[in-house]
Amino acid sequence: MDLGVISVRYARALLKSAMEQKSEDKVYAEMETLSRSYLDMPGLRTAIENPMLMDDRKQMLLETASGNDVSELTKKFIALVLNEGREKVLQFMAASYITLYRKQKNIIRGKLTTATAVSHAVEAKMQQMVESRTQGVVEFNTEVAPEIIGGFILEYDTYRMDASVRTKLHSMFVELKK
């Protein structure tokens, strides 16, 4: 069976249960933490997939990787996944939950890249502009990348606006080569 299908089914069931218990926001934060833990600690996957490690140890490890003060629903979900022998797909389940939650709550990820740090007022103004265009909530991240020389790159949803000096210089260089 396709891993994507499995992970989405489990994630849908988790989201439905979380919404019934009005704990979808907490579970979202826990799934984000778990997903980041998998990315930040490659050894986590190895440990969880180790058949010699007992399920109670895997449970404890996964609860810790999900953050402090894990909800009962997340604990039960992890136990179910371990009981069903689907721990190899848990990282994908967490990612699927995050995607489904964002879709349900109309949350869009946005990113602003600048050559130097910008003030919180500028960041808030850009976030507000994106929110007004998308009619959704924007999880906004800023990044400093000196290699763009100046200007900014704004990305959200499928939109990308590159107003960086580096891109403009590159375009001019290409024109001059013709």
C-alpha atoms as a PDB file:
ATOM      1  CA  MET A   1       0.000   0.000   0.000  1.00  0.00           C
ATOM      2  CA  ASP A   2       1.144   3.546  -0.742  1.00  0.00           C
ATOM      3  CA  LEU A   3       2.794   5.301   2.222  1.00  0.00           C
ATOM      4  CA  GLY A   4       1.041   8.546   1.302  1.00  0.00           C
ATOM      5  CA  VAL A   5      -2.378   6.935   1.477  1.00  0.00           C
ATOM      6  CA  ILE A   6      -1.618   5.354   4.848  1.00  0.00           C
ATOM      7  CA  SER A   7      -0.223   8.541   6.360  1.00  0.00           C
ATOM      8  CA  VAL A   8      -3.151  10.676   5.157  1.00  0.00           C
ATOM      9  CA  ARG A   9      -5.718   8.205   6.532  1.00  0.00           C
ATOM     10  CA  TYR A  10      -4.101   8.200   9.961  1.00  0.00           C
ATOM     11  CA  ALA A  11      -3.669  11.992   9.877  1.00  0.00           C
ATOM     12  CA  ARG A  12      -7.339  12.503   8.933  1.00  0.00           C
ATOM     13  CA  ALA A  13      -8.451  10.281  11.788  1.00  0.00           C
ATOM     14  CA  LEU A  14      -6.186  12.157  14.204  1.00  0.00           C
ATOM     15  CA  LEU A  15      -7.467  15.539  13.012  1.00  0.00           C
ATOM     16  CA  LYS A  16     -11.085  14.406  13.296  1.00  0.00           C
ATOM     17  CA  SER A  17     -10.517  13.151  16.849  1.00  0.00           C
ATOM     18  CA  ALA A  18      -8.609  16.297  17.788  1.00  0.00           C
ATOM     19  CA  MET A  19     -11.404  18.514  16.468  1.00  0.00           C
ATOM     20  CA  GLU A  20     -14.004  16.537  18.400  1.00  0.00           C
ATOM     21  CA  GLN A  21     -11.939  17.047  21.560  1.00  0.00           C
ATOM     22  CA  LYS A  22     -11.198  20.681  20.651  1.00  0.00           C
ATOM     23  CA  SER A  23      -7.466  19.978  20.935  1.00  0.00           C
ATOM     24  CA  GLU A  24      -6.470  20.308  17.276  1.00  0.00           C
ATOM     25  CA  ASP A  25      -4.224  23.314  17.989  1.00  0.00           C
ATOM     26  CA  LYS A  26      -2.250  21.466  20.659  1.00  0.00           C
ATOM     27  CA  VAL A  27      -1.941  18.358  18.500  1.00  0.00           C
ATOM     28  CA  TYR A  28      -0.803  20.584  15.610  1.00  0.00           C
ATOM     29  CA  ALA A  29       2.003  21.995  17.756  1.00  0.00           C
ATOM     30  CA  GLU A  30       2.959  18.469  18.844  1.00  0.00           C
ATOM     31  CA  MET A  31       3.009  17.159  15.273  1.00  0.00           C
ATOM     32  CA  GLU A  32       5.155  20.129  14.213  1.00  0.00           C
ATOM     33  CA  THR A  33       7.575  19.375  17.045  1.00  0.00           C
ATOM     34  CA  LEU A  34       7.631  15.672  16.142  1.00  0.00           C
ATOM     35  CA  SER A  35       8.212  16.462  12.484  1.00  0.00           C
ATOM     36  CA  ARG A  36      11.069  18.823  13.367  1.00  0.00           C
ATOM     37  CA  SER A  37      12.531  16.183  15.689  1.00  0.00           C
ATOM     38  CA  TYR A  38      12.683  13.708  12.819  1.00  0.00           C
ATOM     39  CA  LEU A  39      14.475  16.292  10.673  1.00  0.00           C
ATOM     40  CA  ASP A  40      16.853  17.540  13.379  1.00  0.00           C
ATOM     41  CA  MET A  41      17.763  14.095  14.743  1.00  0.00           C
ATOM     42  CA  PRO A  42      18.244  11.488  11.998  1.00  0.00           C
ATOM     43  CA  GLY A  43      18.949   8.891  14.703  1.00  0.00           C
ATOM     44  CA  LEU A  44      15.311   9.094  15.801  1.00  0.00           C
ATOM     45  CA  ARG A  45      14.117   7.256  12.698  1.00  0.00           C
ATOM     46  CA  THR A  46      16.795   4.596  13.172  1.00  0.00           C
ATOM     47  CA  ALA A  47      15.816   4.082  16.802  1.00  0.00           C
ATOM     48  CA  ILE A  48      12.079   3.926  16.088  1.00  0.00           C
ATOM     49  CA  GLU A  49      12.539   1.451  13.238  1.00  0.00           C
ATOM     50  CA  ASN A  50      14.801  -0.793  15.356  1.00  0.00           C
ATOM     51  CA  PRO A  51      12.874  -4.055  15.952  1.00  0.00           C
ATOM     52  CA  MET A  52      14.941  -4.761  19.089  1.00  0.00           C
ATOM     53  CA  LEU A  53      13.637  -1.632  20.835  1.00  0.00           C
ATOM     54  CA  MET A  54      10.511  -2.391  22.844  1.00  0.00           C
ATOM     55  CA  ASP A  55       7.298  -0.491  22.068  1.00  0.00           C
ATOM     56  CA  ASP A  56       7.168   1.138  25.516  1.00  0.00           C
ATOM     57  CA  ARG A  57      10.618   2.643  24.889  1.00  0.00           C
ATOM     58  CA  LYS A  58       9.530   3.786  21.418  1.00  0.00           C
ATOM     59  CA  GLN A  59       6.420   5.328  22.979  1.00  0.00           C
ATOM     60  CA  MET A  60       8.508   7.235  25.515  1.00  0.00           C
ATOM     61  CA  LEU A  61      10.978   8.357  22.832  1.00  0.00           C
ATOM     62  CA  LEU A  62       8.212   9.564  20.492  1.00  0.00           C
ATOM     63  CA  GLU A  63       6.377  11.388  23.285  1.00  0.00           C
ATOM     64  CA  THR A  64       9.609  13.185  24.175  1.00  0.00           C
ATOM     65  CA  ALA A  65      10.182  14.018  20.496  1.00  0.00           C
ATOM     66  CA  SER A  66       6.657  15.497  20.377  1.00  0.00           C
ATOM     67  CA  GLY A  67       7.448  18.112  23.013  1.00  0.00           C
ATOM     68  CA  ASN A  68       6.749  18.790  26.669  1.00  0.00           C
ATOM     69  CA  ASP A  69       3.415  17.926  28.244  1.00  0.00           C
ATOM     70  CA  VAL A  70       2.081  15.833  25.350  1.00  0.00           C
ATOM     71  CA  SER A  71      -1.711  15.571  25.087  1.00  0.00           C
ATOM     72  CA  GLU A  72      -3.502  12.319  25.860  1.00  0.00           C
ATOM     73  CA  LEU A  73      -4.723  12.151  22.279  1.00  0.00           C
ATOM     74  CA  THR A  74      -1.173  12.257  20.919  1.00  0.00           C
ATOM     75  CA  LYS A  75      -0.106   9.590  23.412  1.00  0.00           C
ATOM     76  CA  LYS A  76      -2.983   7.350  22.308  1.00  0.00           C
ATOM     77  CA  PHE A  77      -2.218   8.041  18.657  1.00  0.00           C
ATOM     78  CA  ILE A  78       1.430   7.064  19.084  1.00  0.00           C
ATOM     79  CA  ALA A  79       0.369   3.919  20.942  1.00  0.00           C
ATOM     80  CA  LEU A  80      -2.044   3.028  18.118  1.00  0.00           C
ATOM     81  CA  VAL A  81       0.628   3.563  15.470  1.00  0.00           C
ATOM     82  CA  LEU A  82       3.061   1.353  17.395  1.00  0.00           C
ATOM     83  CA  ASN A  83       0.401  -1.284  18.032  1.00  0.00           C
ATOM     84  CA  GLU A  84      -0.406  -1.420  14.307  1.00  0.00           C
ATOM     85  CA  GLY A  85       3.294  -1.646  13.396  1.00  0.00           C
ATOM     86  CA  ARG A  86       3.166   1.590  11.374  1.00  0.00           C
ATOM     87  CA  GLU A  87       5.991   3.430  13.160  1.00  0.00           C
ATOM     88  CA  LYS A  88       7.986   3.630   9.909  1.00  0.00           C
ATOM     89  CA  VAL A  89       5.286   5.939   8.526  1.00  0.00           C
ATOM     90  CA  LEU A  90       4.878   8.152  11.609  1.00  0.00           C
ATOM     91  CA  GLN A  91       6.997  10.987  10.205  1.00  0.00           C
ATOM     92  CA  PHE A  92       4.738  11.103   7.136  1.00  0.00           C
ATOM     93  CA  MET A  93       1.643  10.975   9.351  1.00  0.00           C
ATOM     94  CA  ALA A  94       2.879  14.022  11.275  1.00  0.00           C
ATOM     95  CA  ALA A  95       3.558  15.898   8.027  1.00  0.00           C
ATOM     96  CA  SER A  96       0.130  14.912   6.661  1.00  0.00           C
ATOM     97  CA  TYR A  97      -1.562  16.145   9.858  1.00  0.00           C
ATOM     98  CA  ILE A  98       0.234  19.487   9.539  1.00  0.00           C
ATOM     99  CA  THR A  99      -0.889  19.820   5.914  1.00  0.00           C
ATOM    100  CA  LEU A 100      -4.507  18.871   6.682  1.00  0.00           C
ATOM    101  CA  TYR A 101      -4.635  21.200   9.688  1.00  0.00           C
ATOM    102  CA  ARG A 102      -3.315  24.135   7.666  1.00  0.00           C
ATOM    103  CA  LYS A 103      -5.835  23.443   4.923  1.00  0.00           C
ATOM    104  CA  GLN A 104      -8.677  23.187   7.466  1.00  0.00           C
ATOM    105  CA  LYS A 105      -7.692  26.444   9.189  1.00  0.00           C
ATOM    106  CA  ASN A 106      -6.740  28.267   5.934  1.00  0.00           C
ATOM    107  CA  ILE A 107      -3.146  28.755   7.066  1.00  0.00           C
ATOM    108  CA  ILE A 108      -0.590  29.684   4.442  1.00  0.00           C
ATOM    109  CA  ARG A 109       3.174  29.653   4.878  1.00  0.00           C
ATOM    110  CA  GLY A 110       4.961  32.812   3.866  1.00  0.00           C
ATOM    111  CA  LYS A 111       8.625  33.698   3.720  1.00  0.00           C
ATOM    112  CA  LEU A 112      10.377  37.018   3.357  1.00  0.00           C
ATOM    113  CA  THR A 113      14.065  36.956   2.434  1.00  0.00           C
ATOM    114  CA  THR A 114      16.048  40.179   2.710  1.00  0.00           C
ATOM    115  CA  ALA A 115      19.716  41.148   2.451  1.00  0.00           C
ATOM    116  CA  THR A 116      19.659  42.690   5.943  1.00  0.00           C
ATOM    117  CA  ALA A 117      17.385  42.276   8.931  1.00  0.00           C
ATOM    118  CA  VAL A 118      14.110  44.193   8.736  1.00  0.00           C
ATOM    119  CA  SER A 119      12.143  45.754  11.574  1.00  0.00           C
ATOM    120  CA  HIS A 120       9.151  44.031  13.103  1.00  0.00           C
ATOM    121  CA  ALA A 121       6.949  46.777  11.636  1.00  0.00           C
ATOM    122  CA  VAL A 122       8.080  45.955   8.079  1.00  0.00           C
ATOM    123  CA  GLU A 123       7.654  42.239   8.730  1.00  0.00           C
ATOM    124  CA  ALA A 124       4.148  42.798  10.130  1.00  0.00           C
ATOM    125  CA  LYS A 125       3.207  44.991   7.162  1.00  0.00           C
ATOM    126  CA  MET A 126       4.336  42.328   4.661  1.00  0.00           C
ATOM    127  CA  GLN A 127       2.463  39.646   6.609  1.00  0.00           C
ATOM    128  CA  GLN A 128      -0.666  41.787   6.666  1.00  0.00           C
ATOM    129  CA  MET A 129      -0.406  42.358   2.901  1.00  0.00           C
ATOM    130  CA  VAL A 130      -0.144  38.603   2.258  1.00  0.00           C
ATOM    131  CA  GLU A 131      -3.077  37.901   4.596  1.00  0.00           C
ATOM    132  CA  SER A 132      -5.253  40.461   2.816  1.00  0.00           C
ATOM    133  CA  ARG A 133      -4.431  38.919  -0.580  1.00  0.00           C
ATOM    134  CA  THR A 134      -5.030  35.334   0.515  1.00  0.00           C
ATOM    135  CA  GLN A 135      -7.917  35.842   2.954  1.00  0.00           C
ATOM    136  CA  GLY A 136      -6.114  33.443   5.270  1.00  0.00           C
ATOM    137  CA  VAL A 137      -3.789  33.330   8.214  1.00  0.00           C
ATOM    138  CA  VAL A 138      -0.108  33.432   7.310  1.00  0.00           C
ATOM    139  CA  GLU A 139       2.660  31.694   9.217  1.00  0.00           C
ATOM    140  CA  PHE A 140       5.388  34.145   8.305  1.00  0.00           C
ATOM    141  CA  ASN A 141       9.127  33.537   8.481  1.00  0.00           C
ATOM    142  CA  THR A 142      11.870  35.997   7.710  1.00  0.00           C
ATOM    143  CA  GLU A 143      15.344  35.106   6.589  1.00  0.00           C
ATOM    144  CA  VAL A 144      18.456  37.183   6.063  1.00  0.00           C
ATOM    145  CA  ALA A 145      20.462  36.248   2.961  1.00  0.00           C
ATOM    146  CA  PRO A 146      23.239  38.774   2.234  1.00  0.00           C
ATOM    147  CA  GLU A 147      23.896  37.130  -1.151  1.00  0.00           C
ATOM    148  CA  ILE A 148      20.757  38.771  -2.613  1.00  0.00           C
ATOM    149  CA  ILE A 149      22.667  42.082  -2.192  1.00  0.00           C
ATOM    150  CA  GLY A 150      19.524  44.183  -1.660  1.00  0.00           C
ATOM    151  CA  GLY A 151      15.763  44.197  -2.084  1.00  0.00           C
ATOM    152  CA  PHE A 152      13.659  41.221  -1.034  1.00  0.00           C
ATOM    153  CA  ILE A 153      12.112  37.920  -2.086  1.00  0.00           C
ATOM    154  CA  LEU A 154       8.548  37.283  -0.948  1.00  0.00           C
ATOM    155  CA  GLU A 155       7.110  33.765  -1.206  1.00  0.00           C
ATOM    156  CA  TYR A 156       3.720  32.425  -0.162  1.00  0.00           C
ATOM    157  CA  ASP A 157       1.448  29.687  -1.430  1.00  0.00           C
ATOM    158  CA  THR A 158       2.502  29.330  -5.094  1.00  0.00           C
ATOM    159  CA  TYR A 159       3.428  33.022  -5.471  1.00  0.00           C
ATOM    160  CA  ARG A 160       7.015  34.280  -5.602  1.00  0.00           C
ATOM    161  CA  MET A 161       8.026  37.907  -6.018  1.00  0.00           C
ATOM    162  CA  ASP A 162      11.756  38.368  -6.499  1.00  0.00           C
ATOM    163  CA  ALA A 163      12.704  42.023  -6.165  1.00  0.00           C
ATOM    164  CA  SER A 164      16.306  41.319  -5.224  1.00  0.00           C
ATOM    165  CA  VAL A 165      19.262  43.245  -6.590  1.00  0.00           C
ATOM    166  CA  ARG A 166      20.984  39.955  -7.437  1.00  0.00           C
ATOM    167  CA  THR A 167      18.142  38.938  -9.773  1.00  0.00           C
ATOM    168  CA  LYS A 168      18.016  42.361 -11.391  1.00  0.00           C
ATOM    169  CA  LEU A 169      21.776  42.308 -11.975  1.00  0.00           C
ATOM    170  CA  HIS A 170      21.537  38.827 -13.435  1.00  0.00           C
ATOM    171  CA  SER A 171      18.744  39.930 -15.798  1.00  0.00           C
ATOM    172  CA  MET A 172      20.821  42.890 -16.944  1.00  0.00           C
ATOM    173  CA  PHE A 173      23.826  40.628 -17.488  1.00  0.00           C
ATOM    174  CA  VAL A 174      21.760  38.245 -19.614  1.00  0.00           C
ATOM    175  CA  GLU A 175      20.439  41.190 -21.690  1.00  0.00           C
ATOM    176  CA  LEU A 176      23.940  42.533 -22.255  1.00  0.00           C
ATOM    177  CA  LYS A 177      25.173  39.121 -23.431  1.00  0.00           C
ATOM    178  CA  LYS A 178      22.630  39.069 -26.264  1.00  0.00           C
END
